Every structure is written in C-alpha cells, then in structure tokens.
C-alpha cells in the first residue's frame, strides 16, 4: 500500500472527529439545532467543493452526467445523513464513542461490499484474519463503551 494513501485515510479519520466536535458546538451555538448545524456544515463544504469543481473539465462531465444510474445520485444524501448523525450523536454519546461506532459500521459494510463486489466495486477476498480483526474491534468497542461498568460489576 502506498504510504500517502494511508496518511490520507488517517487524516480523513482525524478530520471526521474534529468535524463532529466543531459541528456539534455550532449546533449548540445556534440554539441546539443539529439539523441546521449539519446544513450549515454541508453548505460550507458544498461551497468549497464548488470552488474546486470550477477547475474541472466540465465538457466531459456534461456529456456523461445524464447517463448515470439513479443510485449514483444518493451519495450526497448519505453524506448529509452522516454529518447530521455526527452532529446529533457527538454530544449525546461523546466524540470517541460516536466515531468508534461509525468505524465499526464502516468496517462491517466495507467487508460486505469488498467480499461481494457490491456497488460495482472490485471483489476483494475476505480471509479469516479479517474476521478476527473485526472481533478484536468489537471487543475494543465493548471495553471502550462499557468497560468501566463491566469492571464495577465484577
């Protein structure tokens, strides 16, 4: 694996946690309105992407955009729901618990997509050690979220 890709993914994870904290504080600052906080965050992000997209080759885009199947258009709605969910849950569960649950959900879904080649992605074989790794992640999630309570009862 290319080290730059690993660093990009790590920085993306760092940004998700920072974004959840910033957006949840924005939500509180505007009257505890998580949907409005998510909207403002998405709007600012949209403006940033618009600026970058204006640099693209729109001739080739315009020729192919209408040929896309319907399901390729729902990524933005999924992104908006992720931003809203992080804004809503971060103050209730904590940033770390929220991100831990996001990561577990991403890993489980990623394994299914990879193993079956869903959504036109290449098939990547899932070996037993990846299931062991997921088990370790679930154990880590349990200990992280419930370890203190569990230790107090034993």
Protein backbone atom coordinates (compact mmCIF):
# COMPACT_ATOMS: atom_id res chain seq x y z
CA UNK A 1 0.00 0.00 0.00
CA UNK A 2 1.14 3.48 -0.78
CA UNK A 3 2.07 5.38 2.40
CA UNK A 4 0.45 8.60 1.13
CA UNK A 5 -2.91 6.82 0.86
CA UNK A 6 -2.60 5.50 4.40
CA UNK A 7 -1.78 9.00 5.66
CA UNK A 8 -4.70 10.49 3.69
CA UNK A 9 -7.09 7.96 5.28
CA UNK A 10 -5.68 8.65 8.73
CA UNK A 11 -6.07 12.40 8.22
CA UNK A 12 -9.63 11.82 6.98
CA UNK A 13 -10.42 9.99 10.22
CA UNK A 14 -8.86 12.81 12.23
CA UNK A 15 -10.96 15.31 10.29
CA UNK A 16 -14.18 13.35 10.98
CA UNK A 17 -13.67 13.59 14.73
CA UNK A 18 -12.77 17.26 14.59
CA UNK A 19 -15.72 17.94 12.28
CA UNK A 20 -18.15 16.20 14.65
CA UNK A 21 -16.91 18.29 17.57
CA UNK A 22 -16.99 21.56 15.64
CA UNK A 23 -20.41 20.89 14.13
CA UNK A 24 -21.94 19.86 17.46
CA UNK A 25 -20.69 23.12 19.03
CA UNK A 26 -22.12 25.03 16.06
CA UNK A 27 -25.45 23.28 16.67
CA UNK A 28 -25.43 24.33 20.33
CA UNK A 29 -24.39 27.88 19.39
CA UNK A 30 -27.39 28.31 17.10
CA UNK A 31 -29.97 27.17 19.64
CA UNK A 32 -29.36 23.42 19.83
CA UNK A 33 -30.46 22.79 16.25
CA UNK A 34 -28.49 19.77 14.89
CA UNK A 35 -30.25 19.74 11.52
CA UNK A 36 -29.39 23.43 10.96
CA UNK A 37 -25.81 22.84 12.13
CA UNK A 38 -25.49 19.95 9.69
CA UNK A 39 -27.00 22.08 6.91
CA UNK A 40 -24.55 24.93 7.53
CA UNK A 41 -21.64 22.49 7.58
CA UNK A 42 -22.79 20.83 4.36
CA UNK A 43 -23.38 24.23 2.71
CA UNK A 44 -19.86 25.43 3.57
CA UNK A 45 -18.45 22.13 2.33
CA UNK A 46 -20.52 22.46 -0.84
CA UNK A 47 -19.11 25.91 -1.49
CA UNK A 48 -15.57 24.60 -1.04
CA UNK A 49 -16.27 21.78 -3.48
CA UNK A 50 -17.89 24.21 -5.93
CA UNK A 51 -14.72 26.30 -5.96
CA UNK A 52 -12.64 23.19 -6.69
CA UNK A 53 -15.14 21.83 -9.21
CA UNK A 54 -14.95 25.04 -11.24
CA UNK A 55 -11.40 23.97 -12.07
CA UNK A 56 -12.60 20.68 -13.62
CA UNK A 57 -13.11 19.76 -17.28
CA UNK A 58 -16.87 20.29 -17.48
CA UNK A 59 -17.11 19.35 -21.14
CA UNK A 60 -16.55 15.65 -20.43
CA UNK A 61 -18.70 15.83 -17.29
CA UNK A 62 -21.66 17.32 -19.16
CA UNK A 63 -21.52 14.54 -21.76
CA UNK A 64 -21.72 11.77 -19.14
CA UNK A 65 -23.73 13.17 -16.24
CA UNK A 66 -27.16 12.29 -17.61
CA UNK A 67 -26.03 8.70 -18.31
CA UNK A 68 -25.54 7.86 -14.63
CA UNK A 69 -27.93 5.37 -12.98
CA UNK A 70 -30.21 6.70 -10.25
CA UNK A 71 -28.32 5.09 -7.37
CA UNK A 72 -25.15 7.06 -8.10
CA UNK A 73 -27.01 10.22 -7.06
CA UNK A 74 -27.67 9.22 -3.45
CA UNK A 75 -24.10 9.69 -2.18
CA UNK A 76 -24.81 13.31 -1.26
CA UNK A 77 -27.86 12.30 0.76
CA UNK A 78 -25.78 9.68 2.57
CA UNK A 79 -23.09 12.28 3.25
CA UNK A 80 -25.65 14.71 4.64
CA UNK A 81 -27.07 12.00 6.90
CA UNK A 82 -23.57 11.20 8.20
CA UNK A 83 -22.92 14.85 9.00
CA UNK A 84 -26.30 15.17 10.74
CA UNK A 85 -25.81 11.94 12.68
CA UNK A 86 -22.40 13.06 13.94
CA UNK A 87 -23.77 16.47 14.95
CA UNK A 88 -26.70 14.84 16.75
CA UNK A 89 -24.83 12.00 18.47
CA UNK A 90 -21.49 13.61 19.40
CA UNK A 91 -22.85 15.47 22.45
CA UNK A 92 -25.02 12.50 23.47
CA UNK A 93 -22.52 9.63 23.13
CA UNK A 94 -19.23 11.54 23.04
CA UNK A 95 -16.96 12.01 20.04
CA UNK A 96 -14.98 8.83 20.64
CA UNK A 97 -18.00 6.54 21.08
CA UNK A 98 -19.68 8.07 18.04
CA UNK A 99 -16.58 7.67 15.89
CA UNK A 100 -15.93 4.15 17.21
CA UNK A 101 -19.45 3.13 16.19
CA UNK A 102 -19.03 4.86 12.81
CA UNK A 103 -15.78 2.95 12.25
CA UNK A 104 -17.32 -0.41 13.20
CA UNK A 105 -20.24 0.29 10.85
CA UNK A 106 -17.84 1.29 8.08
CA UNK A 107 -15.71 -1.82 8.54
CA UNK A 108 -18.67 -4.21 8.58
CA UNK A 109 -20.21 -2.62 5.50
CA UNK A 110 -16.84 -2.38 3.76
CA UNK A 111 -16.23 -6.10 4.29
CA UNK A 112 -19.60 -6.94 2.74
CA UNK A 113 -19.03 -4.62 -0.22
CA UNK A 114 -15.49 -5.94 -0.75
CA UNK A 115 -16.39 -9.61 -0.45
CA UNK A 116 -19.30 -9.47 -2.91
CA UNK A 117 -18.13 -6.64 -5.17
CA UNK A 118 -21.30 -4.66 -4.44
CA UNK A 119 -21.90 -1.21 -5.92
CA UNK A 120 -19.63 -2.14 -8.86
CA UNK A 121 -16.55 -2.29 -6.64
CA UNK A 122 -13.81 -4.87 -7.28
CA UNK A 123 -14.10 -8.10 -5.30
CA UNK A 124 -11.51 -8.40 -2.55
CA UNK A 125 -11.23 -11.73 -0.80
CA UNK A 126 -12.07 -11.69 2.89
CA UNK A 127 -9.77 -14.00 4.83
CA UNK A 128 -10.30 -15.41 8.33
CA UNK A 129 -7.86 -12.97 9.92
CA UNK A 130 -10.04 -10.07 8.83
CA UNK A 131 -12.91 -11.59 10.83
CA UNK A 132 -10.54 -11.97 13.79
CA UNK A 133 -9.61 -8.29 13.38
CA UNK A 134 -13.30 -7.36 13.41
CA UNK A 135 -13.75 -9.43 16.56
CA UNK A 136 -10.91 -7.52 18.19
CA UNK A 137 -12.57 -4.26 17.13
CA UNK A 138 -15.89 -5.38 18.67
CA UNK A 139 -14.09 -6.34 21.86
CA UNK A 140 -12.40 -2.94 21.86
CA UNK A 141 -15.75 -1.24 21.33
CA UNK A 142 -17.28 -3.18 24.22
CA UNK A 143 -14.37 -2.37 26.54
CA UNK A 144 -14.29 1.25 25.47
CA UNK A 145 -18.01 1.86 25.90
CA UNK A 146 -18.85 -0.49 28.78
CA UNK A 147 -15.53 -1.42 30.39
CA UNK A 148 -15.91 0.79 33.44
CA UNK A 149 -19.40 -0.54 34.20
CA UNK A 150 -18.30 -4.11 33.49
CA UNK A 151 -15.32 -3.85 35.84
CA UNK A 152 -17.50 -2.39 38.60
CA UNK A 153 -19.87 -5.37 38.44
CA UNK A 154 -17.08 -7.99 38.63
